[in-house]
């Protein structure tokens, strides 16, 4: 049974990313991301010892902080 491309892409979409992936997405160092995380400035979820970053929340966080003539 084949899945349509639309269904497959939704299955592959991740809800969260790890520290390395989040830093890469934001274009900052992991160290700066960790500083922002510990200060409570960047959206994150703590699950035991793991810290994960919700992709949707990161996108919204960036949108809220975007400035310029187009906004």
PDB file of N, CA and C in Angstrom:
ATOM      1  N   UNK A   1       0.841  -1.188   0.000  1.00  0.00           N
ATOM      2  CA  UNK A   1       0.000   0.000   0.000  1.00  0.00           C
ATOM      3  C   UNK A   1       0.876   1.238   0.000  1.00  0.00           C
ATOM      4  N   UNK A   2       0.664   2.108  -0.965  1.00  0.00           N
ATOM      5  CA  UNK A   2       1.446   3.340  -1.066  1.00  0.00           C
ATOM      6  C   UNK A   2       0.742   4.475  -0.353  1.00  0.00           C
ATOM      7  N   UNK A   3       1.554   5.341   0.254  1.00  0.00           N
ATOM      8  CA  UNK A   3       1.014   6.555   0.873  1.00  0.00           C
ATOM      9  C   UNK A   3       1.167   7.702  -0.109  1.00  0.00           C
ATOM     10  N   UNK A   4       0.219   8.598  -0.083  1.00  0.00           N
ATOM     11  CA  UNK A   4       0.362   9.779  -0.934  1.00  0.00           C
ATOM     12  C   UNK A   4       1.499  10.625  -0.382  1.00  0.00           C
ATOM     13  N   UNK A   5       2.175  11.421  -1.212  1.00  0.00           N
ATOM     14  CA  UNK A   5       3.271  12.264  -0.739  1.00  0.00           C
ATOM     15  C   UNK A   5       2.838  13.191   0.392  1.00  0.00           C
ATOM     16  N   UNK A   6       1.603  13.654   0.342  1.00  0.00           N
ATOM     17  CA  UNK A   6       1.110  14.572   1.366  1.00  0.00           C
ATOM     18  C   UNK A   6       1.074  13.890   2.734  1.00  0.00           C
ATOM     19  N   UNK A   7       0.569  12.679   2.781  1.00  0.00           N
ATOM     20  CA  UNK A   7       0.498  11.927   4.034  1.00  0.00           C
ATOM     21  C   UNK A   7       1.900  11.620   4.529  1.00  0.00           C
ATOM     22  N   UNK A   8       2.783  11.198   3.642  1.00  0.00           N
ATOM     23  CA  UNK A   8       4.150  10.840   4.020  1.00  0.00           C
ATOM     24  C   UNK A   8       4.892  12.042   4.604  1.00  0.00           C
ATOM     25  N   UNK A   9       4.745  13.218   4.016  1.00  0.00           N
ATOM     26  CA  UNK A   9       5.452  14.396   4.513  1.00  0.00           C
ATOM     27  C   UNK A   9       4.955  14.782   5.902  1.00  0.00           C
ATOM     28  N   UNK A  10       3.683  14.573   6.182  1.00  0.00           N
ATOM     29  CA  UNK A  10       3.151  14.870   7.520  1.00  0.00           C
ATOM     30  C   UNK A  10       3.702  13.894   8.544  1.00  0.00           C
ATOM     31  N   UNK A  11       3.902  12.639   8.148  1.00  0.00           N
ATOM     32  CA  UNK A  11       4.446  11.651   9.065  1.00  0.00           C
ATOM     33  C   UNK A  11       5.901  11.950   9.396  1.00  0.00           C
ATOM     34  N   UNK A  12       6.644  12.500   8.447  1.00  0.00           N
ATOM     35  CA  UNK A  12       8.054  12.804   8.646  1.00  0.00           C
ATOM     36  C   UNK A  12       8.279  14.107   9.400  1.00  0.00           C
ATOM     37  N   UNK A  13       7.273  14.960   9.458  1.00  0.00           N
ATOM     38  CA  UNK A  13       7.422  16.250  10.121  1.00  0.00           C
ATOM     39  C   UNK A  13       7.611  16.021  11.615  1.00  0.00           C
ATOM     40  N   UNK A  14       8.704  16.555  12.147  1.00  0.00           N
ATOM     41  CA  UNK A  14       8.993  16.388  13.562  1.00  0.00           C
ATOM     42  C   UNK A  14       8.403  17.537  14.352  1.00  0.00           C
ATOM     43  N   UNK A  15       7.903  17.232  15.519  1.00  0.00           N
ATOM     44  CA  UNK A  15       7.340  18.253  16.390  1.00  0.00           C
ATOM     45  C   UNK A  15       8.420  18.979  17.175  1.00  0.00           C
ATOM     46  N   UNK A  16       9.504  18.270  17.480  1.00  0.00           N
ATOM     47  CA  UNK A  16      10.587  18.864  18.266  1.00  0.00           C
ATOM     48  C   UNK A  16      11.935  18.550  17.635  1.00  0.00           C
ATOM     49  N   UNK A  17      12.931  19.352  18.018  1.00  0.00           N
ATOM     50  CA  UNK A  17      14.312  19.116  17.598  1.00  0.00           C
ATOM     51  C   UNK A  17      15.203  19.197  18.827  1.00  0.00           C
ATOM     52  N   UNK A  18      16.403  18.637  18.718  1.00  0.00           N
ATOM     53  CA  UNK A  18      17.342  18.697  19.834  1.00  0.00           C
ATOM     54  C   UNK A  18      18.139  20.010  19.799  1.00  0.00           C
ATOM     55  N   UNK A  19      19.025  20.164  20.753  1.00  0.00           N
ATOM     56  CA  UNK A  19      19.789  21.415  20.899  1.00  0.00           C
ATOM     57  C   UNK A  19      20.596  21.741  19.648  1.00  0.00           C
ATOM     58  N   UNK A  20      21.284  20.769  19.111  1.00  0.00           N
ATOM     59  CA  UNK A  20      22.119  21.009  17.919  1.00  0.00           C
ATOM     60  C   UNK A  20      21.265  21.454  16.730  1.00  0.00           C
ATOM     61  N   UNK A  21      20.146  20.759  16.515  1.00  0.00           N
ATOM     62  CA  UNK A  21      19.271  21.087  15.397  1.00  0.00           C
ATOM     63  C   UNK A  21      18.621  22.462  15.583  1.00  0.00           C
ATOM     64  N   UNK A  22      18.207  22.772  16.810  1.00  0.00           N
ATOM     65  CA  UNK A  22      17.584  24.071  17.076  1.00  0.00           C
ATOM     66  C   UNK A  22      18.576  25.200  16.841  1.00  0.00           C
ATOM     67  N   UNK A  23      19.797  25.031  17.313  1.00  0.00           N
ATOM     68  CA  UNK A  23      20.824  26.060  17.114  1.00  0.00           C
ATOM     69  C   UNK A  23      21.075  26.272  15.624  1.00  0.00           C
ATOM     70  N   UNK A  24      21.147  25.186  14.878  1.00  0.00           N
ATOM     71  CA  UNK A  24      21.360  25.281  13.431  1.00  0.00           C
ATOM     72  C   UNK A  24      20.191  26.000  12.767  1.00  0.00           C
ATOM     73  N   UNK A  25      18.962  25.660  13.160  1.00  0.00           N
ATOM     74  CA  UNK A  25      17.770  26.308  12.594  1.00  0.00           C
ATOM     75  C   UNK A  25      17.776  27.809  12.852  1.00  0.00           C
ATOM     76  N   UNK A  26      18.218  28.208  14.058  1.00  0.00           N
ATOM     77  CA  UNK A  26      18.215  29.617  14.440  1.00  0.00           C
ATOM     78  C   UNK A  26      19.457  30.366  13.957  1.00  0.00           C
ATOM     79  N   UNK A  27      20.455  29.630  13.508  1.00  0.00           N
ATOM     80  CA  UNK A  27      21.683  30.261  13.021  1.00  0.00           C
ATOM     81  C   UNK A  27      22.536  30.815  14.150  1.00  0.00           C
ATOM     82  N   UNK A  28      22.490  30.156  15.318  1.00  0.00           N
ATOM     83  CA  UNK A  28      23.283  30.587  16.468  1.00  0.00           C
ATOM     84  C   UNK A  28      24.077  29.396  16.995  1.00  0.00           C
ATOM     85  N   UNK A  29      25.014  29.674  17.890  1.00  0.00           N
ATOM     86  CA  UNK A  29      25.800  28.590  18.469  1.00  0.00           C
ATOM     87  C   UNK A  29      24.974  27.824  19.496  1.00  0.00           C
ATOM     88  N   UNK A  30      25.383  26.596  19.744  1.00  0.00           N
ATOM     89  CA  UNK A  30      24.716  25.805  20.778  1.00  0.00           C
ATOM     90  C   UNK A  30      24.896  26.463  22.147  1.00  0.00           C
ATOM     91  N   UNK A  31      26.025  27.081  22.356  1.00  0.00           N
ATOM     92  CA  UNK A  31      26.284  27.751  23.633  1.00  0.00           C
ATOM     93  C   UNK A  31      25.306  28.909  23.850  1.00  0.00           C
ATOM     94  N   UNK A  32      25.086  29.735  22.820  1.00  0.00           N
ATOM     95  CA  UNK A  32      24.130  30.839  22.938  1.00  0.00           C
ATOM     96  C   UNK A  32      22.716  30.295  23.138  1.00  0.00           C
ATOM     97  N   UNK A  33      22.377  29.234  22.414  1.00  0.00           N
ATOM     98  CA  UNK A  33      21.056  28.626  22.590  1.00  0.00           C
ATOM     99  C   UNK A  33      20.884  28.156  24.027  1.00  0.00           C
ATOM    100  N   UNK A  34      21.916  27.539  24.597  1.00  0.00           N
ATOM    101  CA  UNK A  34      21.835  27.045  25.972  1.00  0.00           C
ATOM    102  C   UNK A  34      21.660  28.204  26.949  1.00  0.00           C
ATOM    103  N   UNK A  35      22.348  29.308  26.699  1.00  0.00           N
ATOM    104  CA  UNK A  35      22.214  30.508  27.543  1.00  0.00           C
ATOM    105  C   UNK A  35      20.776  31.028  27.477  1.00  0.00           C
ATOM    106  N   UNK A  36      20.226  31.136  26.276  1.00  0.00           N
ATOM    107  CA  UNK A  36      18.845  31.597  26.094  1.00  0.00           C
ATOM    108  C   UNK A  36      17.851  30.632  26.723  1.00  0.00           C
ATOM    109  N   UNK A  37      18.124  29.341  26.626  1.00  0.00           N
ATOM    110  CA  UNK A  37      17.252  28.322  27.215  1.00  0.00           C
ATOM    111  C   UNK A  37      17.225  28.460  28.731  1.00  0.00           C
ATOM    112  N   UNK A  38      18.389  28.547  29.332  1.00  0.00           N
ATOM    113  CA  UNK A  38      18.469  28.659  30.788  1.00  0.00           C
ATOM    114  C   UNK A  38      17.857  29.948  31.309  1.00  0.00           C
ATOM    115  N   UNK A  39      17.851  30.993  30.490  1.00  0.00           N
ATOM    116  CA  UNK A  39      17.239  32.264  30.869  1.00  0.00           C
ATOM    117  C   UNK A  39      15.728  32.257  30.623  1.00  0.00           C
ATOM    118  N   UNK A  40      15.226  31.191  30.008  1.00  0.00           N
ATOM    119  CA  UNK A  40      13.801  31.091  29.716  1.00  0.00           C
ATOM    120  C   UNK A  40      13.362  31.967  28.561  1.00  0.00           C
ATOM    121  N   UNK A  41      14.294  32.338  27.701  1.00  0.00           N
ATOM    122  CA  UNK A  41      13.988  33.247  26.596  1.00  0.00           C
ATOM    123  C   UNK A  41      13.563  32.536  25.321  1.00  0.00           C
ATOM    124  N   UNK A  42      13.938  31.295  25.169  1.00  0.00           N
ATOM    125  CA  UNK A  42      13.606  30.545  23.952  1.00  0.00           C
ATOM    126  C   UNK A  42      12.661  29.401  24.344  1.00  0.00           C
ATOM    127  N   UNK A  43      11.633  29.126  23.531  1.00  0.00           N
ATOM    128  CA  UNK A  43      10.688  28.065  23.886  1.00  0.00           C
ATOM    129  C   UNK A  43      11.367  26.689  23.891  1.00  0.00           C
ATOM    130  N   UNK A  44      11.120  25.942  24.941  1.00  0.00           N
ATOM    131  CA  UNK A  44      11.696  24.611  25.069  1.00  0.00           C
ATOM    132  C   UNK A  44      10.852  23.761  26.008  1.00  0.00           C
ATOM    133  N   UNK A  45      11.111  22.466  25.972  1.00  0.00           N
ATOM    134  CA  UNK A  45      10.426  21.499  26.822  1.00  0.00           C
ATOM    135  C   UNK A  45      11.499  20.660  27.508  1.00  0.00           C
ATOM    136  N   UNK A  46      11.378  20.512  28.800  1.00  0.00           N
ATOM    137  CA  UNK A  46      12.292  19.629  29.535  1.00  0.00           C
ATOM    138  C   UNK A  46      11.562  18.320  29.820  1.00  0.00           C
ATOM    139  N   UNK A  47      12.161  17.223  29.367  1.00  0.00           N
ATOM    140  CA  UNK A  47      11.635  15.880  29.621  1.00  0.00           C
ATOM    141  C   UNK A  47      12.736  15.108  30.336  1.00  0.00           C
ATOM    142  N   UNK A  48      12.678  15.117  31.643  1.00  0.00           N
ATOM    143  CA  UNK A  48      13.758  14.512  32.415  1.00  0.00           C
ATOM    144  C   UNK A  48      15.026  15.302  32.168  1.00  0.00           C
ATOM    145  N   UNK A  49      16.075  14.619  31.744  1.00  0.00           N
ATOM    146  CA  UNK A  49      17.346  15.290  31.473  1.00  0.00           C
ATOM    147  C   UNK A  49      17.406  15.886  30.064  1.00  0.00           C
ATOM    148  N   UNK A  50      16.436  15.533  29.218  1.00  0.00           N
ATOM    149  CA  UNK A  50      16.447  16.031  27.830  1.00  0.00           C
ATOM    150  C   UNK A  50      15.784  17.387  27.719  1.00  0.00           C
ATOM    151  N   UNK A  51      16.322  18.196  26.838  1.00  0.00           N
ATOM    152  CA  UNK A  51      15.707  19.470  26.496  1.00  0.00           C
ATOM    153  C   UNK A  51      15.408  19.417  25.007  1.00  0.00           C
ATOM    154  N   UNK A  52      14.151  19.645  24.658  1.00  0.00           N
ATOM    155  CA  UNK A  52      13.723  19.635  23.267  1.00  0.00           C
ATOM    156  C   UNK A  52      13.101  20.979  22.926  1.00  0.00           C
ATOM    157  N   UNK A  53      13.160  21.326  21.655  1.00  0.00           N
ATOM    158  CA  UNK A  53      12.668  22.608  21.175  1.00  0.00           C
ATOM    159  C   UNK A  53      11.548  22.366  20.171  1.00  0.00           C
ATOM    160  N   UNK A  54      10.309  22.774  20.502  1.00  0.00           N
ATOM    161  CA  UNK A  54       9.194  22.591  19.569  1.00  0.00           C
ATOM    162  C   UNK A  54       9.381  23.446  18.312  1.00  0.00           C
ATOM    163  N   UNK A  55       9.348  22.814  17.165  1.00  0.00           N
ATOM    164  CA  UNK A  55       9.589  23.505  15.896  1.00  0.00           C
ATOM    165  C   UNK A  55       8.575  24.630  15.687  1.00  0.00           C
ATOM    166  N   UNK A  56       7.301  24.356  15.920  1.00  0.00           N
ATOM    167  CA  UNK A  56       6.267  25.375  15.728  1.00  0.00           C
ATOM    168  C   UNK A  56       6.509  26.575  16.640  1.00  0.00           C
ATOM    169  N   UNK A  57       6.846  26.322  17.891  1.00  0.00           N
ATOM    170  CA  UNK A  57       7.092  27.409  18.846  1.00  0.00           C
ATOM    171  C   UNK A  57       8.326  28.218  18.462  1.00  0.00           C
ATOM    172  N   UNK A  58       9.356  27.556  17.941  1.00  0.00           N
ATOM    173  CA  UNK A  58      10.553  28.285  17.487  1.00  0.00           C
ATOM    174  C   UNK A  58      10.206  29.204  16.319  1.00  0.00           C
ATOM    175  N   UNK A  59       9.408  28.691  15.376  1.00  0.00           N
ATOM    176  CA  UNK A  59       9.000  29.513  14.229  1.00  0.00           C
ATOM    177  C   UNK A  59       8.193  30.726  14.690  1.00  0.00           C
ATOM    178  N   UNK A  60       7.272  30.513  15.630  1.00  0.00           N
ATOM    179  CA  UNK A  60       6.470  31.622  16.152  1.00  0.00           C
ATOM    180  C   UNK A  60       7.342  32.612  16.920  1.00  0.00           C
ATOM    181  N   UNK A  61       8.305  32.103  17.674  1.00  0.00           N
ATOM    182  CA  UNK A  61       9.226  32.941  18.447  1.00  0.00           C
ATOM    183  C   UNK A  61      10.014  33.864  17.509  1.00  0.00           C
ATOM    184  N   UNK A  62      10.481  33.307  16.400  1.00  0.00           N
ATOM    185  CA  UNK A  62      11.211  34.110  15.405  1.00  0.00           C
ATOM    186  C   UNK A  62      10.287  35.145  14.779  1.00  0.00           C
ATOM    187  N   UNK A  63       9.072  34.743  14.400  1.00  0.00           N
ATOM    188  CA  UNK A  63       8.116  35.681  13.800  1.00  0.00           C
ATOM    189  C   UNK A  63       7.841  36.864  14.726  1.00  0.00           C
ATOM    190  N   UNK A  64       7.679  36.589  16.013  1.00  0.00           N
ATOM    191  CA  UNK A  64       7.404  37.658  16.986  1.00  0.00           C
ATOM    192  C   UNK A  64       8.560  38.641  17.098  1.00  0.00           C
ATOM    193  N   UNK A  65       9.759  38.182  16.819  1.00  0.00           N
ATOM    194  CA  UNK A  65      10.933  39.027  16.975  1.00  0.00           C
ATOM    195  C   UNK A  65      11.439  39.633  15.667  1.00  0.00           C
ATOM    196  N   UNK A  66      10.762  39.331  14.587  1.00  0.00           N
ATOM    197  CA  UNK A  66      11.164  39.841  13.280  1.00  0.00           C
ATOM    198  C   UNK A  66      10.679  41.279  13.128  1.00  0.00           C
ATOM    199  N   UNK A  67      11.598  42.145  12.760  1.00  0.00           N
ATOM    200  CA  UNK A  67      11.221  43.549  12.540  1.00  0.00           C
ATOM    201  C   UNK A  67      11.659  43.951  11.131  1.00  0.00           C
ATOM    202  N   UNK A  68      11.081  45.012  10.667  1.00  0.00           N
ATOM    203  CA  UNK A  68      11.428  45.494   9.350  1.00  0.00           C
ATOM    204  C   UNK A  68      10.248  46.191   8.704  1.00  0.00           C
ATOM    205  N   UNK A  69      10.485  46.698   7.528  1.00  0.00           N
ATOM    206  CA  UNK A  69       9.477  47.472   6.817  1.00  0.00           C
ATOM    207  C   UNK A  69       8.277  46.618   6.399  1.00  0.00           C
ATOM    208  N   UNK A  70       8.496  45.318   6.193  1.00  0.00           N
ATOM    209  CA  UNK A  70       7.422  44.450   5.723  1.00  0.00           C
ATOM    210  C   UNK A  70       6.453  44.040   6.821  1.00  0.00           C
ATOM    211  N   UNK A  71       6.757  44.305   8.047  1.00  0.00           N
ATOM    212  CA  UNK A  71       5.924  43.835   9.155  1.00  0.00           C
ATOM    213  C   UNK A  71       4.934  44.852   9.589  1.00  0.00           C
TER     214      UNK A  71
END
